[in-house]
Amino acid sequence: MGQAKEMQAGPLHFPGWPCRPDPTICIFEGEDCSVPVFKTSILAGYKALLRYEGFENDSSHDFWVNLGTMEVHPVGWCAINSKILVPPQTIHSKFTNWREYLMKKLVGARTIPVDFHLKMTESMKYPFRQGMRVEVVNKACISQTRMAIVDTVIGGRLRLLYEDGDSDDDFWCHMWSPLIHPIGWSRRVGHSIKKTENNNDMANHPTFRKIYCDAVPYLFKKVLAVYPAGGWFEEGMKLEAIDPLNPGNICVATICKVLLDGYLMLGIDGTASESDSEWFCYHGSLHSIFPAGFCKNNNIELTPPKGYDAKIFSWASYLDKTKSKSAPARLFNVDCPNHGFKVGAKIEAVDLMEPRLICVATVKRIVHRLLRIHFDGWDSEYDQWVDCESPDIYPVGWCELIGYQLQPPVTTGEKNKLLHYWTEERSFSPIQTIFLLFVKTLIQSEG
């Protein structure tokens, strides 16, 4: 139990959720309708470490429970529902008058709100439905979007099927992800979209038989409005950006094209291909792009263009050599909320390289609103940078609450199995394949 008390978890933003680890609750148990009373000693995301009321400083029977389960009730629920408060036999024998002791403890006790479960249920209603059509990034060529159909909605996460793909050609993302857009978005802002080819095989897929509408624009997360008249990003400007194909790296990048509505097409400097197939789209207000010098100022290793040494890379000399200019710092969105994350906090995080997976993870580092996420059981090469408000990070207990499979920390043998799947059973672009083969070599050398 000592280790449990030292554990930290990421913050939880849910209306009515207890913010301090001392609410008293009741849990319905068994066919005999007995209801023990517990006091929470630790809150970690949706999870709480409970202790039977009456055990005082004895932690030998403490256990974890997800507060989102329907068996958890506020104090007073038993009286309303004619249930009996029954202590464990070991506690009952300690007190000559258990009922009197319990009443003293419960009078004025903090507890969860009466409408706790109602609020939780309301917060978990999602507007997307199976059969809605959207535009989403083409995972095989990230400079393009593709038409896709919503196949599954779980906890706000969407499993999308590409219209011209096969039944296994899917893509997972959250409904608030910047990678997903309403139909017509690409044409409106000037983004490249892959022409949909007829696929008779997919016409018989159950999801495609349920297509009934295009997802309307108000369902998607709104981006900040921009006013280019006062000065805006320009083609050719250089900056620092999180690499979408290797989100553990912040790289030197160039604005290759300025789209409408504040969107930018970026390219990583020094990539093997000079074509636009490796460009990627970020909105100018996203916290995935940074002014030149951001990494140096915050002691983050910057990934320089190929042929440059990261230890001696200089923005001044690089700009001079390339006859280019950096994007003005005033154009970047630098707001930083009081997010509540702490180094060492445990969370559940999406693996952005394989977004169907949600894994046990730890906040390894915090730079303003930027979090470096470490996947427990994996090496630091797999760490990923995410924003503190990313829809791809969740509190402890989220997967259990939603009913989504949480990936536990892996062993070396499991790593090799996953790498075999990634590199030999999945389709990737050349640059993704090269990176994953490199990672596979790293792990094999460690073994």
Protein backbone atom coordinates (compact mmCIF):
# COMPACT_ATOMS: atom_id res chain seq x y z
CA MET A 1 0.00 0.00 0.00
CA GLY A 2 2.96 2.31 0.50
CA GLN A 3 3.68 2.27 -3.22
CA ALA A 4 0.08 3.11 -4.01
CA LYS A 5 0.21 6.22 -1.88
CA GLU A 6 3.21 7.50 -3.82
CA MET A 7 1.50 7.08 -7.18
CA GLN A 8 0.41 10.22 -9.01
CA ALA A 9 -2.19 10.34 -11.74
CA GLY A 10 -3.01 12.93 -14.36
CA PRO A 11 -5.75 15.48 -13.65
CA LEU A 12 -9.39 14.80 -14.33
CA HIS A 13 -11.82 17.40 -15.64
CA PHE A 14 -15.35 16.18 -15.00
CA PRO A 15 -18.21 18.25 -13.48
CA GLY A 16 -19.00 17.03 -9.99
CA TRP A 17 -16.02 14.69 -9.75
CA PRO A 18 -14.49 14.73 -6.23
CA CYS A 19 -11.29 16.76 -6.28
CA ARG A 20 -10.01 15.68 -2.85
CA PRO A 21 -9.30 12.11 -1.66
CA ASP A 22 -11.74 12.03 1.24
CA PRO A 23 -15.35 11.56 0.01
CA THR A 24 -17.31 8.86 1.85
CA ILE A 25 -19.23 6.47 -0.40
CA CYS A 26 -21.30 3.29 -0.29
CA ILE A 27 -20.86 0.27 -2.55
CA PHE A 28 -23.68 -2.19 -3.20
CA GLU A 29 -22.43 -5.75 -2.68
CA GLY A 30 -23.91 -9.22 -3.10
CA GLU A 31 -27.36 -10.74 -3.26
CA ASP A 32 -27.99 -10.05 0.43
CA CYS A 33 -28.16 -6.32 -0.36
CA SER A 34 -25.44 -5.51 2.18
CA VAL A 35 -23.83 -2.13 1.65
CA PRO A 36 -20.46 -1.42 3.30
CA VAL A 37 -19.32 2.18 3.79
CA PHE A 38 -15.93 3.32 2.52
CA LYS A 39 -13.73 6.37 2.73
CA THR A 40 -11.45 7.21 -0.19
CA SER A 41 -7.80 7.70 0.77
CA ILE A 42 -6.34 8.24 -2.71
CA LEU A 43 -7.88 9.52 -5.96
CA ALA A 44 -6.09 8.66 -9.21
CA GLY A 45 -8.05 9.67 -12.28
CA TYR A 46 -11.31 7.72 -12.22
CA LYS A 47 -9.87 5.28 -9.69
CA ALA A 48 -10.07 5.54 -5.90
CA LEU A 49 -8.31 3.63 -3.16
CA LEU A 50 -11.00 2.70 -0.64
CA ARG A 51 -10.86 1.83 3.04
CA TYR A 52 -13.72 0.39 5.07
CA GLU A 53 -15.11 2.95 7.47
CA GLY A 54 -13.95 1.82 10.89
CA PHE A 55 -10.55 0.49 9.84
CA GLU A 56 -9.01 3.86 10.78
CA ASN A 57 -5.23 3.55 10.07
CA ASP A 58 -5.36 -0.12 9.02
CA SER A 59 -4.63 -0.31 5.27
CA SER A 60 -4.52 -4.12 5.05
CA HIS A 61 -7.94 -4.33 3.38
CA ASP A 62 -7.67 -1.27 1.10
CA PHE A 63 -8.59 -1.84 -2.54
CA TRP A 64 -9.02 0.12 -5.79
CA VAL A 65 -12.34 0.77 -7.49
CA ASN A 66 -13.49 2.81 -10.47
CA LEU A 67 -15.79 5.53 -9.13
CA GLY A 68 -17.68 5.58 -12.41
CA THR A 69 -19.25 2.16 -11.79
CA MET A 70 -22.94 2.04 -10.96
CA GLU A 71 -22.25 0.20 -7.68
CA VAL A 72 -20.83 3.39 -6.14
CA HIS A 73 -23.34 5.62 -4.34
CA PRO A 74 -23.32 8.78 -2.20
CA VAL A 75 -23.96 8.67 1.52
CA GLY A 76 -27.74 8.69 2.04
CA TRP A 77 -28.46 6.37 -0.88
CA CYS A 78 -29.09 3.45 1.47
CA ALA A 79 -31.71 5.32 3.49
CA ILE A 80 -33.53 6.40 0.33
CA ASN A 81 -33.47 2.88 -1.14
CA SER A 82 -34.09 0.93 2.10
CA LYS A 83 -30.70 -0.75 2.08
CA ILE A 84 -28.82 -1.79 5.20
CA LEU A 85 -25.34 -0.47 6.00
CA VAL A 86 -23.40 -3.58 6.99
CA PRO A 87 -19.74 -3.50 8.12
CA PRO A 88 -17.29 -6.39 7.69
CA GLN A 89 -17.40 -8.78 10.66
CA THR A 90 -13.87 -7.81 11.71
CA ILE A 91 -14.99 -4.19 12.16
CA HIS A 92 -18.33 -4.99 13.76
CA SER A 93 -16.63 -6.82 16.62
CA LYS A 94 -14.53 -3.73 17.44
CA PHE A 95 -17.50 -1.57 18.36
CA THR A 96 -20.15 -2.05 21.04
CA ASN A 97 -22.52 0.20 19.10
CA TRP A 98 -21.65 0.13 15.40
CA ARG A 99 -24.70 2.15 14.35
CA GLU A 100 -23.84 5.01 16.75
CA TYR A 101 -20.22 5.02 15.59
CA LEU A 102 -21.28 5.09 11.95
CA MET A 103 -23.76 7.91 12.42
CA LYS A 104 -21.06 10.08 14.01
CA LYS A 105 -18.80 9.40 11.05
CA LEU A 106 -21.43 10.02 8.39
CA VAL A 107 -23.03 13.20 9.72
CA GLY A 108 -21.58 16.04 7.67
CA ALA A 109 -19.31 13.70 5.69
CA ARG A 110 -18.21 14.77 2.21
CA THR A 111 -19.61 12.54 -0.49
CA ILE A 112 -20.20 12.45 -4.22
CA PRO A 113 -23.15 14.46 -5.64
CA VAL A 114 -26.58 12.84 -5.79
CA ASP A 115 -26.65 13.38 -9.57
CA PHE A 116 -23.09 12.09 -10.00
CA HIS A 117 -23.95 9.24 -12.37
CA LEU A 118 -26.42 11.39 -14.31
CA LYS A 119 -23.74 13.99 -14.95
CA MET A 120 -21.29 11.30 -15.97
CA THR A 121 -23.79 9.77 -18.37
CA GLU A 122 -24.52 13.17 -19.91
CA SER A 123 -20.80 13.85 -20.37
CA MET A 124 -20.42 10.59 -22.29
CA LYS A 125 -22.96 11.30 -25.00
CA TYR A 126 -21.27 11.65 -28.37
CA PRO A 127 -22.85 13.19 -31.48
CA PHE A 128 -21.10 11.02 -34.08
CA ARG A 129 -22.99 7.97 -35.34
CA GLN A 130 -22.17 4.94 -37.42
CA GLY A 131 -22.60 5.73 -41.10
CA MET A 132 -21.57 9.40 -41.00
CA ARG A 133 -19.15 10.50 -43.72
CA VAL A 134 -16.04 12.58 -42.93
CA GLU A 135 -12.70 13.59 -44.37
CA VAL A 136 -9.64 12.32 -42.53
CA VAL A 137 -5.90 12.22 -43.08
CA ASN A 138 -4.68 9.51 -45.45
CA LYS A 139 -2.43 7.40 -43.22
CA ALA A 140 -0.56 6.09 -46.27
CA CYS A 141 0.17 9.63 -47.53
CA ILE A 142 -0.25 12.25 -44.81
CA SER A 143 -0.24 15.16 -47.27
CA GLN A 144 -3.68 14.01 -48.43
CA THR A 145 -7.09 13.46 -46.91
CA ARG A 146 -9.50 10.67 -47.80
CA MET A 147 -13.23 10.12 -47.56
CA ALA A 148 -14.13 7.83 -44.67
CA ILE A 149 -17.17 6.41 -42.89
CA VAL A 150 -17.66 6.24 -39.13
CA ASP A 151 -17.77 2.54 -38.25
CA THR A 152 -17.52 2.60 -34.43
CA VAL A 153 -17.89 5.24 -31.72
CA ILE A 154 -16.52 4.41 -28.28
CA GLY A 155 -15.76 7.02 -25.64
CA GLY A 156 -15.61 9.73 -28.31
CA ARG A 157 -13.03 7.76 -30.27
CA LEU A 158 -13.93 6.91 -33.85
CA ARG A 159 -12.98 3.93 -35.94
CA LEU A 160 -13.12 5.16 -39.52
CA LEU A 161 -13.18 3.04 -42.67
CA TYR A 162 -11.74 4.58 -45.83
CA GLU A 163 -14.37 4.62 -48.58
CA ASP A 164 -12.04 3.13 -51.18
CA GLY A 165 -10.21 0.79 -48.80
CA ASP A 166 -10.94 -2.69 -47.55
CA SER A 167 -12.49 -3.86 -44.29
CA ASP A 168 -9.11 -3.72 -42.53
CA ASP A 169 -8.16 -0.31 -43.92
CA ASP A 170 -9.22 1.69 -40.90
CA PHE A 171 -8.05 4.70 -38.93
CA TRP A 172 -8.67 5.54 -35.27
CA CYS A 173 -8.89 9.08 -33.93
CA HIS A 174 -10.84 11.11 -31.41
CA MET A 175 -13.82 13.12 -32.63
CA TRP A 176 -11.94 16.30 -31.58
CA SER A 177 -8.76 15.30 -33.39
CA PRO A 178 -7.30 17.91 -35.79
CA LEU A 179 -6.94 15.07 -38.32
CA ILE A 180 -10.68 14.79 -38.99
CA HIS A 181 -12.87 17.27 -40.90
CA PRO A 182 -16.35 17.68 -42.39
CA ILE A 183 -16.99 16.76 -46.01
CA GLY A 184 -15.87 19.61 -48.28
CA TRP A 185 -13.15 20.87 -45.91
CA SER A 186 -10.26 19.94 -48.22
CA ARG A 187 -11.76 21.70 -51.22
CA ARG A 188 -12.60 24.77 -49.14
CA VAL A 189 -9.13 25.32 -47.63
CA GLY A 190 -7.11 24.07 -50.61
CA HIS A 191 -5.88 20.78 -49.15
CA SER A 192 -5.15 17.80 -51.39
CA ILE A 193 -7.71 14.98 -51.21
CA LYS A 194 -7.36 11.49 -52.67
CA LYS A 195 -9.91 10.75 -55.34
CA THR A 196 -12.26 8.04 -54.13
CA GLU A 197 -12.18 4.94 -56.29
CA ASN A 198 -15.12 2.58 -56.61
CA ASN A 199 -14.78 -0.43 -54.35
CA ASN A 200 -17.46 -3.03 -54.91
CA ASP A 201 -16.15 -5.17 -52.04
CA MET A 202 -16.78 -2.41 -49.50
CA ALA A 203 -20.25 -1.74 -50.90
CA ASN A 204 -21.39 -4.89 -49.10
CA HIS A 205 -19.78 -3.94 -45.78
CA PRO A 206 -22.45 -3.48 -43.05
CA THR A 207 -21.19 0.01 -42.20
CA PHE A 208 -21.35 1.20 -45.81
CA ARG A 209 -24.93 -0.01 -46.10
CA LYS A 210 -25.77 2.35 -43.21
CA ILE A 211 -24.38 5.56 -44.74
CA TYR A 212 -27.03 8.16 -44.11
CA CYS A 213 -25.44 11.61 -43.94
CA ASP A 214 -22.33 13.75 -43.99
CA ALA A 215 -21.19 14.75 -40.51
CA VAL A 216 -22.17 18.41 -40.16
CA PRO A 217 -19.45 21.01 -39.39
CA TYR A 218 -20.65 21.89 -35.87
CA LEU A 219 -19.78 18.35 -34.68
CA PHE A 220 -16.07 19.02 -35.15
CA LYS A 221 -13.80 20.88 -32.77
CA LYS A 222 -13.50 24.50 -33.79
CA VAL A 223 -10.08 26.02 -34.38
CA LEU A 224 -9.13 29.57 -33.48
CA ALA A 225 -10.11 32.20 -36.02
CA VAL A 226 -7.10 33.90 -37.59
CA TYR A 227 -6.79 37.34 -39.13
CA PRO A 228 -3.97 37.28 -41.71
CA ALA A 229 -4.39 40.99 -42.41
CA GLY A 230 -2.27 41.75 -39.34
CA GLY A 231 0.54 39.52 -40.55
CA TRP A 232 0.53 35.77 -40.89
CA PHE A 233 2.73 32.80 -41.67
CA GLU A 234 4.25 32.89 -45.15
CA GLU A 235 5.48 30.24 -47.53
CA GLY A 236 9.18 29.53 -46.99
CA MET A 237 9.26 30.54 -43.31
CA LYS A 238 11.02 28.12 -41.01
CA LEU A 239 9.99 26.94 -37.56
CA GLU A 240 10.14 23.95 -35.23
CA ALA A 241 7.41 21.30 -35.39
CA ILE A 242 6.50 17.94 -33.89
CA ASP A 243 7.09 15.28 -36.55
CA PRO A 244 3.71 13.54 -37.11
CA LEU A 245 5.50 10.36 -38.24
CA ASN A 246 7.76 10.34 -35.18
CA PRO A 247 6.01 12.38 -32.46
CA GLY A 248 8.95 12.00 -30.11
CA ASN A 249 10.94 14.40 -32.29
CA ILE A 250 10.68 18.15 -32.71
CA CYS A 251 12.24 19.00 -36.06
CA VAL A 252 13.34 21.91 -38.20
CA ALA A 253 10.48 22.47 -40.64
CA THR A 254 9.43 24.79 -43.46
CA ILE A 255 6.05 26.22 -44.37
CA CYS A 256 5.57 24.80 -47.86
CA LYS A 257 2.11 26.18 -48.54
CA VAL A 258 -0.37 28.46 -46.78
CA LEU A 259 -3.96 27.23 -46.98
CA LEU A 260 -7.16 29.05 -46.11
CA ASP A 261 -8.68 29.31 -42.62
CA GLY A 262 -5.27 29.36 -40.93
CA TYR A 263 -4.03 25.95 -42.08
CA LEU A 264 -0.41 25.36 -43.09
CA MET A 265 1.30 22.64 -45.10
CA LEU A 266 4.68 21.89 -43.53
CA GLY A 267 7.65 19.81 -44.55
CA ILE A 268 10.49 18.44 -42.42
CA ASP A 269 13.78 19.91 -43.62
CA GLY A 270 16.23 17.35 -44.97
CA THR A 271 13.76 14.55 -45.73
CA ALA A 272 14.72 12.20 -48.53
CA SER A 273 11.85 13.20 -50.79
CA GLU A 274 11.57 16.70 -52.21
CA SER A 275 7.99 16.11 -53.38
CA ASP A 276 4.89 17.28 -51.56
CA SER A 277 3.91 13.70 -50.62
CA GLU A 278 5.58 14.07 -47.21
CA TRP A 279 4.08 17.43 -46.33
CA PHE A 280 1.64 17.50 -43.43
CA CYS A 281 -1.06 19.89 -42.30
CA TYR A 282 -1.15 21.80 -39.00
CA HIS A 283 -3.37 24.71 -38.09
CA GLY A 284 -1.44 27.87 -37.26
CA SER A 285 -2.95 27.96 -33.76
CA LEU A 286 -1.98 24.39 -32.84
CA HIS A 287 0.52 23.78 -30.06
CA SER A 288 2.48 21.43 -32.32
CA ILE A 289 4.50 24.22 -33.94
CA PHE A 290 7.04 26.47 -32.24
CA PRO A 291 9.21 29.45 -33.13
CA ALA A 292 12.87 28.92 -34.02
CA GLY A 293 14.85 28.54 -30.82
CA PHE A 294 12.03 27.01 -28.77
CA CYS A 295 13.89 23.74 -28.21
CA LYS A 296 17.14 25.46 -27.25
CA ASN A 297 15.37 27.80 -24.85
CA ASN A 298 13.66 24.86 -23.14
CA ASN A 299 16.54 22.37 -23.20
CA ILE A 300 14.84 20.05 -25.69
CA GLU A 301 16.89 18.19 -28.29
CA LEU A 302 16.01 19.59 -31.71
CA THR A 303 16.18 17.21 -34.67
CA PRO A 304 18.12 19.15 -37.32
CA PRO A 305 18.05 18.54 -41.09
CA LYS A 306 20.01 15.56 -42.39
CA GLY A 307 23.72 16.31 -42.43
CA TYR A 308 23.63 18.71 -39.46
CA ASP A 309 24.92 17.93 -35.98
CA ALA A 310 22.23 18.53 -33.35
CA LYS A 311 24.84 19.52 -30.76
CA ILE A 312 26.20 22.42 -32.80
CA PHE A 313 23.18 23.31 -34.92
CA SER A 314 22.65 27.07 -35.08
CA TRP A 315 19.46 28.65 -36.33
CA ALA A 316 21.27 31.85 -37.28
CA SER A 317 23.80 30.12 -39.52
CA TYR A 318 21.17 27.76 -40.94
CA LEU A 319 18.87 30.63 -41.94
CA ASP A 320 21.81 32.44 -43.47
CA LYS A 321 22.92 29.36 -45.41
CA THR A 322 19.42 28.60 -46.72
CA LYS A 323 18.67 32.28 -47.39
CA SER A 324 15.43 31.98 -45.48
CA LYS A 325 13.73 33.56 -42.49
CA SER A 326 12.09 32.17 -39.39
CA ALA A 327 8.41 32.66 -38.61
CA PRO A 328 7.95 35.58 -36.17
CA ALA A 329 7.41 34.42 -32.58
CA ARG A 330 4.31 36.63 -32.24
CA LEU A 331 2.41 34.39 -34.68
CA PHE A 332 2.49 31.33 -32.42
CA ASN A 333 -0.17 30.40 -29.90
CA VAL A 334 1.61 30.47 -26.53
CA ASP A 335 -1.31 30.39 -24.07
CA CYS A 336 -0.74 27.91 -21.24
CA PRO A 337 -3.56 26.81 -18.94
CA ASN A 338 -3.10 25.65 -15.37
CA HIS A 339 -3.36 22.05 -16.54
CA GLY A 340 -2.45 20.30 -13.28
CA PHE A 341 -0.12 17.68 -14.77
CA LYS A 342 2.99 16.73 -12.79
CA VAL A 343 6.12 14.83 -13.78
CA GLY A 344 5.65 11.17 -12.87
CA ALA A 345 1.84 11.25 -13.18
CA LYS A 346 0.27 8.10 -14.60
CA ILE A 347 -2.18 8.37 -17.49
CA GLU A 348 -3.66 6.32 -20.31
CA ALA A 349 -2.33 7.52 -23.67
CA VAL A 350 -2.92 6.76 -27.33
CA ASP A 351 0.08 5.47 -29.26
CA LEU A 352 0.03 8.01 -32.08
CA MET A 353 1.95 5.62 -34.34
CA GLU A 354 -0.74 2.96 -33.84
CA PRO A 355 -3.79 4.98 -32.70
CA ARG A 356 -6.06 2.02 -32.06
CA LEU A 357 -3.88 1.30 -29.00
CA ILE A 358 -4.27 3.05 -25.65
CA CYS A 359 -1.42 2.28 -23.27
CA VAL A 360 -0.33 2.72 -19.67
CA ALA A 361 1.93 5.77 -19.70
CA THR A 362 3.79 8.26 -17.52
CA VAL A 363 4.28 12.01 -17.88
CA LYS A 364 8.05 12.15 -18.23
CA ARG A 365 8.57 15.86 -18.76
CA ILE A 366 6.54 19.08 -18.87
CA VAL A 367 7.46 22.14 -20.93
CA HIS A 368 4.77 24.78 -20.47
CA ARG A 369 1.73 22.99 -21.92
CA LEU A 370 3.78 20.38 -23.77
CA LEU A 371 3.96 16.90 -22.21
CA ARG A 372 6.50 14.21 -23.01
CA ILE A 373 4.72 10.88 -22.63
CA HIS A 374 6.61 7.68 -21.82
CA PHE A 375 4.92 4.34 -22.50
CA ASP A 376 5.56 2.08 -19.52
CA GLY A 377 7.61 -0.97 -20.45
CA TRP A 378 9.03 0.66 -23.59
CA ASP A 379 12.30 2.49 -24.12
CA SER A 380 12.54 6.27 -24.32
CA GLU A 381 12.88 6.07 -28.13
CA TYR A 382 9.11 5.61 -28.20
CA ASP A 383 8.31 8.70 -26.09
CA GLN A 384 5.89 11.14 -27.70
CA TRP A 385 5.20 14.86 -27.31
CA VAL A 386 1.54 15.82 -26.84
CA ASP A 387 -0.34 18.92 -25.81
CA CYS A 388 -1.85 19.03 -22.31
CA GLU A 389 -5.32 19.34 -23.89
CA SER A 390 -4.79 16.58 -26.44
CA PRO A 391 -7.81 14.31 -26.97
CA ASP A 392 -5.36 11.39 -27.02
CA ILE A 393 -4.54 11.33 -23.29
CA TYR A 394 -6.92 10.13 -20.59
CA PRO A 395 -7.10 9.80 -16.81
CA VAL A 396 -6.32 6.52 -15.06
CA GLY A 397 -9.39 4.27 -15.25
CA TRP A 398 -10.80 5.77 -18.46
CA CYS A 399 -10.48 2.58 -20.52
CA GLU A 400 -12.12 0.51 -17.78
CA LEU A 401 -14.96 3.00 -17.51
CA ILE A 402 -15.58 3.15 -21.27
CA GLY A 403 -14.99 -0.53 -21.95
CA TYR A 404 -11.91 -0.05 -24.14
CA GLN A 405 -8.93 -2.41 -24.04
CA LEU A 406 -5.99 -0.85 -22.15
CA GLN A 407 -2.55 -2.06 -23.22
CA PRO A 408 -0.47 -2.92 -20.12
CA PRO A 409 3.32 -2.39 -19.93
CA VAL A 410 4.98 -4.90 -22.27
CA THR A 411 7.80 -7.42 -21.89
CA THR A 412 10.67 -7.78 -24.36
CA GLY A 413 8.97 -10.79 -25.98
CA GLU A 414 5.76 -8.82 -26.49
CA LYS A 415 7.76 -5.94 -28.00
CA ASN A 416 9.16 -8.25 -30.68
CA LYS A 417 5.70 -9.58 -31.49
CA LEU A 418 4.34 -6.04 -31.89
CA LEU A 419 7.26 -5.00 -34.06
CA HIS A 420 6.70 -8.04 -36.28
CA TYR A 421 3.09 -6.95 -36.70
CA TRP A 422 4.04 -3.34 -37.43
CA THR A 423 6.83 -4.02 -39.91
CA GLU A 424 5.66 -7.17 -41.67
CA GLU A 425 1.87 -7.30 -41.45
CA ARG A 426 0.88 -3.66 -41.92
CA SER A 427 1.13 -1.32 -44.91
CA PHE A 428 3.27 1.76 -44.34
CA SER A 429 4.80 4.48 -46.44
CA PRO A 430 8.54 4.07 -47.18
CA ILE A 431 9.60 6.57 -44.52
CA GLN A 432 7.45 4.86 -41.86
CA THR A 433 8.82 1.44 -42.80
CA ILE A 434 12.42 2.65 -42.58
CA PHE A 435 11.79 4.13 -39.14
CA LEU A 436 10.08 1.01 -37.80
CA LEU A 437 12.80 -1.30 -39.14
CA PHE A 438 15.35 0.90 -37.38
CA VAL A 439 13.41 0.59 -34.12
CA LYS A 440 13.18 -3.18 -34.55
CA THR A 441 16.96 -3.35 -34.92
CA LEU A 442 17.37 -1.30 -31.74
CA ILE A 443 15.22 -3.68 -29.69
CA GLN A 444 16.89 -6.79 -31.10
CA SER A 445 20.32 -5.37 -30.24
CA GLU A 446 19.14 -4.82 -26.65
CA GLY A 447 18.04 -8.42 -26.37
